[in-house]
Amino acid sequence: MRASGTWPERGTVLLIGADGQLGGELLAALTAHGSPCRAAARHPPRADWLAVDLADPGATAALVSAERPAVVINAAAYTAVDRAEDEPRQAMAVNAHAPGVLAQACRDIGALLVHFSTDYVFDGASARPYVETDRPAPLSQYGRSKAAGEEAVLRSGCAHLVFRTSWLYTPGGHNFVATMLRLFQGSEPVRVVDDQHGCPTWARPLAEAVAGLLAERDARTLEAHRGLYHLCAAGATSWHGFAAAIRARARPPARAPLYPIRSAEYPVAARRPARSVLCCDRARERLGLALPGWLEQLDGAMPEFNAARADAH
């Protein structure tokens, strides 16, 4: 691991999954902090981006070896929760095997790996918020693949920061907020489950917190704080509570009514945890990271969601 906090001129941060919801916000935040960054994606949208397919272990390791960054950020993931039930090998390849390959490659060159995981590694049976020492017990193939990826990084011996987060969304992405806004402009009633609770998190404050940490802390300090951290919005709500807050902030005003339902009334392929609320005390105490409350985050994001819908029409 590099002992200096000075950013090298080239290849400082290798951002994998830069075209995703979190990856796009990370790229913007890293750039704002002046951190030299190389963006990588499976299908690069620009000529100056790198191509990487996490399902190809050899190519993934070769990219890290060739770029020799100070930091690798893995913001890519297989996120199709229900489809993963029918595609467990694909989910495991991207969410479990690839993080292990990245961790080994980072260990070989002395780089820091920043990896993102999910609240879905838990079964949701806990009455209190989950802490990092709670044992994962995923209910779905997606959750199992993400839990395996965490374990691969944590056991790798490389310098690492693993951040579990929850219910991510950002303007311009395919997510719950965008879906609700579309449904609310229709005439059919919108029914959303009210017995699953979590921490809705705007990807932008999460990305800004992580990018700021990388810009402000030197490599030696971050290596000393290696480990697993929860980092999501403060507070918690149900999917129905989240939908109600979105509805109240929709512009133009929502037309469709909203009703709560039980999970049993909305069958899906993958089981979801009933209460996957995360406690983020460790990230605040050890890294100085804390995100705003979920309603405050939604207030910040909604003008962009509403503006995007207005532009589309």
Protein backbone atom coordinates (compact mmCIF):
# COMPACT_ATOMS: atom_id res chain seq x y z
CA MET A 1 0.00 0.00 0.00
CA ARG A 2 1.32 3.43 -0.87
CA ALA A 3 2.24 5.35 2.26
CA SER A 4 1.91 8.81 0.74
CA GLY A 5 -1.31 10.76 0.51
CA THR A 6 -0.18 12.39 -2.76
CA TRP A 7 -2.23 11.30 -5.76
CA PRO A 8 -0.09 9.88 -8.58
CA GLU A 9 -0.50 11.63 -11.92
CA ARG A 10 -2.12 8.68 -13.74
CA GLY A 11 -4.45 5.88 -12.85
CA THR A 12 -4.99 6.94 -9.25
CA VAL A 13 -8.55 5.62 -9.00
CA LEU A 14 -9.88 2.84 -11.20
CA LEU A 15 -13.67 3.10 -11.04
CA ILE A 16 -15.37 -0.08 -12.22
CA GLY A 17 -19.07 0.24 -13.03
CA ALA A 18 -18.82 3.95 -13.75
CA ASP A 19 -21.94 3.75 -15.92
CA GLY A 20 -24.24 2.61 -13.10
CA GLN A 21 -26.33 4.59 -10.62
CA LEU A 22 -23.68 4.67 -7.93
CA GLY A 23 -20.78 4.63 -10.38
CA GLY A 24 -21.99 7.72 -12.19
CA GLU A 25 -22.32 9.64 -8.93
CA LEU A 26 -18.88 8.44 -7.83
CA LEU A 27 -17.30 9.59 -11.08
CA ALA A 28 -18.79 13.05 -10.65
CA ALA A 29 -17.78 13.25 -6.99
CA LEU A 30 -14.22 12.05 -7.60
CA THR A 31 -13.83 14.59 -10.39
CA ALA A 32 -15.16 17.36 -8.15
CA HIS A 33 -12.56 16.44 -5.53
CA GLY A 34 -9.77 16.56 -8.11
CA SER A 35 -8.99 12.86 -7.84
CA PRO A 36 -7.58 11.50 -11.11
CA CYS A 37 -9.89 8.71 -12.20
CA ARG A 38 -10.06 6.06 -14.90
CA ALA A 39 -13.63 4.99 -15.62
CA ALA A 40 -14.37 1.41 -16.63
CA ALA A 41 -17.56 -0.35 -17.69
CA ARG A 42 -18.68 -3.47 -19.49
CA HIS A 43 -19.91 -1.36 -22.39
CA PRO A 44 -17.90 1.89 -22.29
CA PRO A 45 -20.01 4.81 -23.54
CA ARG A 46 -16.94 6.90 -24.36
CA ALA A 47 -13.62 6.29 -26.09
CA ASP A 48 -11.60 7.37 -23.05
CA TRP A 49 -13.24 4.76 -20.81
CA LEU A 50 -11.87 1.28 -20.26
CA ALA A 51 -13.71 -1.93 -21.04
CA VAL A 52 -14.06 -4.55 -18.32
CA ASP A 53 -16.28 -7.61 -18.00
CA LEU A 54 -16.34 -8.75 -14.38
CA ALA A 55 -17.51 -12.18 -15.52
CA ASP A 56 -14.05 -12.62 -17.11
CA PRO A 57 -11.62 -13.09 -14.18
CA GLY A 58 -8.46 -13.04 -16.27
CA ALA A 59 -9.33 -9.82 -18.05
CA THR A 60 -10.41 -8.18 -14.79
CA ALA A 61 -7.11 -8.99 -13.08
CA ALA A 62 -5.14 -7.94 -16.15
CA LEU A 63 -6.82 -4.53 -16.20
CA VAL A 64 -5.88 -3.82 -12.58
CA SER A 65 -2.33 -5.01 -13.21
CA ALA A 66 -1.98 -2.82 -16.30
CA GLU A 67 -3.46 0.33 -14.76
CA ARG A 68 -1.75 -0.08 -11.35
CA PRO A 69 -4.10 2.36 -9.56
CA ALA A 70 -3.76 3.47 -5.96
CA VAL A 71 -7.45 2.70 -5.42
CA VAL A 72 -9.90 0.38 -7.14
CA ILE A 73 -13.59 1.15 -6.59
CA ASN A 74 -15.99 -1.63 -7.49
CA ALA A 75 -19.38 -0.01 -8.06
CA ALA A 76 -20.53 -2.70 -10.49
CA ALA A 77 -22.95 -5.46 -9.52
CA TYR A 78 -25.57 -7.85 -10.79
CA THR A 79 -28.64 -6.15 -9.29
CA ALA A 80 -31.59 -7.98 -10.88
CA VAL A 81 -32.85 -9.41 -7.59
CA ASP A 82 -35.65 -11.56 -9.01
CA ARG A 83 -33.85 -12.63 -12.17
CA ALA A 84 -30.96 -13.88 -10.05
CA GLU A 85 -33.20 -16.72 -8.88
CA ASP A 86 -33.03 -18.08 -12.44
CA GLU A 87 -29.48 -16.89 -13.14
CA PRO A 88 -27.52 -17.82 -10.00
CA ARG A 89 -24.28 -18.46 -11.91
CA GLN A 90 -24.34 -15.02 -13.50
CA ALA A 91 -25.06 -13.37 -10.17
CA MET A 92 -22.26 -15.29 -8.44
CA ALA A 93 -19.79 -14.51 -11.23
CA VAL A 94 -20.26 -10.74 -10.94
CA ASN A 95 -21.16 -10.33 -7.26
CA ALA A 96 -19.01 -13.02 -5.63
CA HIS A 97 -16.16 -14.23 -7.84
CA ALA A 98 -15.25 -10.86 -9.37
CA PRO A 99 -14.74 -9.07 -6.02
CA GLY A 100 -12.40 -11.89 -5.01
CA VAL A 101 -10.41 -11.47 -8.22
CA LEU A 102 -10.25 -7.70 -7.71
CA ALA A 103 -9.11 -8.18 -4.12
CA GLN A 104 -6.30 -10.50 -5.17
CA ALA A 105 -5.23 -8.11 -7.92
CA CYS A 106 -5.23 -5.20 -5.46
CA ARG A 107 -3.15 -7.19 -3.00
CA ASP A 108 -0.62 -7.96 -5.72
CA ILE A 109 -0.02 -4.28 -6.53
CA GLY A 110 -0.62 -2.78 -3.08
CA ALA A 111 -3.86 -0.96 -3.95
CA LEU A 112 -6.86 -0.18 -1.78
CA LEU A 113 -10.13 -1.85 -2.83
CA VAL A 114 -13.41 -0.05 -2.12
CA HIS A 115 -16.33 -2.45 -2.58
CA PHE A 116 -20.08 -1.95 -2.15
CA SER A 117 -22.55 -4.47 -0.78
CA THR A 118 -26.17 -4.54 0.34
CA ASP A 119 -28.61 -4.84 3.23
CA TYR A 120 -30.04 -7.91 1.45
CA VAL A 121 -27.29 -10.04 2.98
CA PHE A 122 -29.56 -10.18 6.06
CA ASP A 123 -32.81 -12.09 6.58
CA GLY A 124 -34.60 -9.12 8.17
CA ALA A 125 -35.60 -10.96 11.34
CA SER A 126 -33.80 -8.58 13.71
CA ALA A 127 -35.91 -6.12 15.70
CA ARG A 128 -32.94 -3.74 15.97
CA PRO A 129 -30.79 -2.23 13.21
CA TYR A 130 -28.08 -4.56 11.96
CA VAL A 131 -24.46 -3.94 12.89
CA GLU A 132 -21.39 -5.11 11.01
CA THR A 133 -20.75 -8.03 13.36
CA ASP A 134 -24.20 -9.56 12.76
CA ARG A 135 -24.03 -12.79 10.81
CA PRO A 136 -25.37 -12.59 7.24
CA ALA A 137 -28.33 -14.84 6.47
CA PRO A 138 -29.49 -13.94 2.94
CA LEU A 139 -32.90 -15.06 1.69
CA SER A 140 -32.24 -14.79 -2.06
CA GLN A 141 -29.68 -15.77 -4.68
CA TYR A 142 -28.85 -12.09 -5.05
CA GLY A 143 -28.25 -11.76 -1.30
CA ARG A 144 -26.15 -14.93 -1.23
CA SER A 145 -23.99 -13.69 -4.10
CA LYS A 146 -23.39 -10.34 -2.41
CA ALA A 147 -22.58 -12.01 0.91
CA ALA A 148 -20.06 -14.24 -0.83
CA GLY A 149 -18.46 -11.22 -2.48
CA GLU A 150 -18.09 -9.46 0.86
CA GLU A 151 -16.46 -12.54 2.35
CA ALA A 152 -14.04 -12.85 -0.55
CA VAL A 153 -12.84 -9.27 -0.05
CA LEU A 154 -12.69 -9.43 3.74
CA ARG A 155 -10.62 -12.63 3.67
CA SER A 156 -8.33 -11.59 0.81
CA GLY A 157 -5.62 -9.84 2.78
CA CYS A 158 -5.78 -6.74 0.58
CA ALA A 159 -6.36 -3.28 1.99
CA HIS A 160 -10.11 -2.77 1.70
CA LEU A 161 -13.18 -0.79 2.65
CA VAL A 162 -16.46 -2.65 2.18
CA PHE A 163 -19.58 -0.50 2.43
CA ARG A 164 -23.02 -2.04 2.82
CA THR A 165 -25.75 0.32 1.70
CA SER A 166 -29.51 0.17 1.18
CA TRP A 167 -32.29 0.87 -1.34
CA LEU A 168 -30.19 3.00 -3.72
CA TYR A 169 -31.69 5.48 -6.16
CA THR A 170 -30.55 8.46 -8.20
CA PRO A 171 -32.13 10.65 -10.91
CA GLY A 172 -31.65 9.20 -14.37
CA GLY A 173 -31.47 5.59 -13.19
CA HIS A 174 -33.89 2.70 -13.15
CA ASN A 175 -35.04 2.66 -9.55
CA PHE A 176 -38.01 2.76 -7.18
CA VAL A 177 -38.40 6.54 -7.26
CA ALA A 178 -38.54 6.67 -11.05
CA THR A 179 -40.99 3.77 -11.15
CA MET A 180 -43.31 5.35 -8.59
CA LEU A 181 -43.34 8.71 -10.38
CA ARG A 182 -44.33 6.97 -13.60
CA LEU A 183 -47.09 4.97 -11.93
CA PHE A 184 -48.46 7.97 -10.04
CA GLN A 185 -49.17 9.76 -13.31
CA GLY A 186 -51.46 6.94 -14.41
CA SER A 187 -55.05 6.28 -13.44
CA GLU A 188 -54.66 2.85 -11.84
CA PRO A 189 -54.24 2.53 -8.04
CA VAL A 190 -50.64 1.98 -6.92
CA ARG A 191 -50.20 -0.78 -4.34
CA VAL A 192 -46.90 -1.01 -2.45
CA VAL A 193 -45.80 -3.38 0.30
CA ASP A 194 -45.85 -1.96 3.81
CA ASP A 195 -44.14 -4.82 5.70
CA GLN A 196 -40.59 -4.44 4.36
CA HIS A 197 -38.44 -1.78 6.01
CA GLY A 198 -35.09 -0.31 5.03
CA CYS A 199 -33.10 2.90 4.55
CA PRO A 200 -33.73 4.60 1.17
CA THR A 201 -30.41 6.10 0.10
CA TRP A 202 -29.70 8.65 -2.61
CA ALA A 203 -26.50 7.55 -4.34
CA ARG A 204 -25.15 11.11 -4.52
CA PRO A 205 -24.51 11.76 -0.79
CA LEU A 206 -23.08 8.24 -0.52
CA ALA A 207 -20.72 8.86 -3.43
CA GLU A 208 -19.71 12.28 -2.14
CA ALA A 209 -18.91 10.84 1.28
CA VAL A 210 -16.71 8.09 -0.15
CA ALA A 211 -14.99 10.38 -2.68
CA GLY A 212 -14.31 12.92 0.04
CA LEU A 213 -12.82 10.23 2.26
CA LEU A 214 -10.47 9.09 -0.51
CA ALA A 215 -9.38 12.66 -1.23
CA GLU A 216 -8.84 13.67 2.39
CA ARG A 217 -7.30 10.59 4.02
CA ASP A 218 -3.88 9.30 3.06
CA ALA A 219 -3.47 5.67 2.04
CA ARG A 220 -1.76 4.59 5.23
CA THR A 221 -4.62 5.91 7.36
CA LEU A 222 -7.25 4.18 5.26
CA GLU A 223 -5.36 0.90 5.37
CA ALA A 224 -5.39 1.13 9.16
CA HIS A 225 -9.19 1.37 9.05
CA ARG A 226 -9.75 -1.53 6.67
CA GLY A 227 -12.93 -3.47 7.22
CA LEU A 228 -16.68 -3.62 6.80
CA TYR A 229 -18.93 -0.59 7.27
CA HIS A 230 -22.61 0.24 6.96
CA LEU A 231 -23.25 3.49 5.09
CA CYS A 232 -26.78 4.52 4.18
CA ALA A 233 -29.37 7.18 4.91
CA ALA A 234 -30.28 7.79 8.53
CA GLY A 235 -33.70 6.62 9.61
CA ALA A 236 -35.91 3.96 8.08
CA THR A 237 -39.29 3.47 6.43
CA SER A 238 -41.30 0.88 4.54
CA TRP A 239 -41.55 0.70 0.77
CA HIS A 240 -45.08 2.11 1.16
CA GLY A 241 -43.80 4.92 3.40
CA PHE A 242 -41.14 5.70 0.81
CA ALA A 243 -43.75 5.70 -1.95
CA ALA A 244 -46.00 8.03 0.03
CA ALA A 245 -43.14 10.50 0.48
CA ILE A 246 -42.39 10.36 -3.25
CA ARG A 247 -46.06 10.89 -4.07
CA ALA A 248 -46.26 13.96 -1.84
CA ARG A 249 -43.30 15.51 -3.67
CA ALA A 250 -44.27 14.58 -7.24
CA ARG A 251 -44.62 17.41 -9.75
CA PRO A 252 -47.01 17.55 -11.45
CA PRO A 253 -49.07 16.26 -8.52
CA ALA A 254 -49.76 12.54 -8.52
CA ARG A 255 -53.09 11.37 -9.89
CA ALA A 256 -53.14 7.69 -8.93
CA PRO A 257 -54.10 6.72 -5.36
CA LEU A 258 -51.65 4.76 -3.20
CA TYR A 259 -52.57 1.76 -1.04
CA PRO A 260 -50.52 -0.38 1.35
CA ILE A 261 -50.41 -4.16 0.86
CA ARG A 262 -48.64 -7.09 2.49
CA SER A 263 -45.74 -8.88 0.83
CA ALA A 264 -47.92 -11.97 0.44
CA GLU A 265 -50.20 -9.94 -1.84
CA TYR A 266 -47.32 -9.09 -4.19
CA PRO A 267 -45.56 -12.37 -5.03
CA VAL A 268 -42.07 -12.12 -6.52
CA ALA A 269 -39.40 -14.68 -7.34
CA ALA A 270 -36.91 -13.62 -4.64
CA ARG A 271 -37.68 -13.26 -0.95
CA ARG A 272 -36.89 -9.88 0.57
CA PRO A 273 -35.90 -9.19 4.18
CA ALA A 274 -38.73 -7.76 6.28
CA ARG A 275 -36.52 -5.33 8.19
CA SER A 276 -33.02 -4.78 6.82
CA VAL A 277 -32.32 -1.50 8.61
CA LEU A 278 -28.59 -0.80 9.02
CA CYS A 279 -26.79 0.86 11.94
CA CYS A 280 -24.07 3.17 10.62
CA ASP A 281 -22.34 4.06 13.89
CA ARG A 282 -19.05 2.37 12.94
CA ALA A 283 -18.62 4.46 9.77
CA ARG A 284 -19.25 7.64 11.75
CA GLU A 285 -16.95 6.74 14.62
CA ARG A 286 -14.03 5.30 12.65
CA LEU A 287 -14.20 7.16 9.32
CA GLY A 288 -16.16 10.29 10.17
CA LEU A 289 -18.84 9.39 7.62
CA ALA A 290 -22.55 9.98 8.21
CA LEU A 291 -25.31 10.52 5.66
CA PRO A 292 -28.41 12.71 6.07
CA GLY A 293 -31.82 11.26 6.88
CA TRP A 294 -33.73 9.51 4.12
CA LEU A 295 -36.41 12.23 3.90
CA GLU A 296 -33.80 14.97 3.69
CA GLN A 297 -32.09 13.04 0.91
CA LEU A 298 -35.36 12.59 -0.95
CA ASP A 299 -36.06 16.32 -0.67
CA GLY A 300 -32.71 16.95 -2.33
CA ALA A 301 -33.21 14.45 -5.14
CA MET A 302 -36.85 15.08 -6.08
CA PRO A 303 -36.36 18.38 -7.97
CA GLU A 304 -34.07 16.51 -10.40
CA PHE A 305 -36.52 13.63 -10.77
CA ASN A 306 -39.38 16.06 -11.42
CA ALA A 307 -37.32 18.12 -13.85
CA ALA A 308 -36.33 15.00 -15.78
CA ARG A 309 -39.99 13.97 -16.12
CA ALA A 310 -40.92 17.47 -17.27
CA ASP A 311 -38.16 17.43 -19.91
CA ALA A 312 -39.31 14.01 -21.12
CA HIS A 313 -42.78 15.40 -21.79
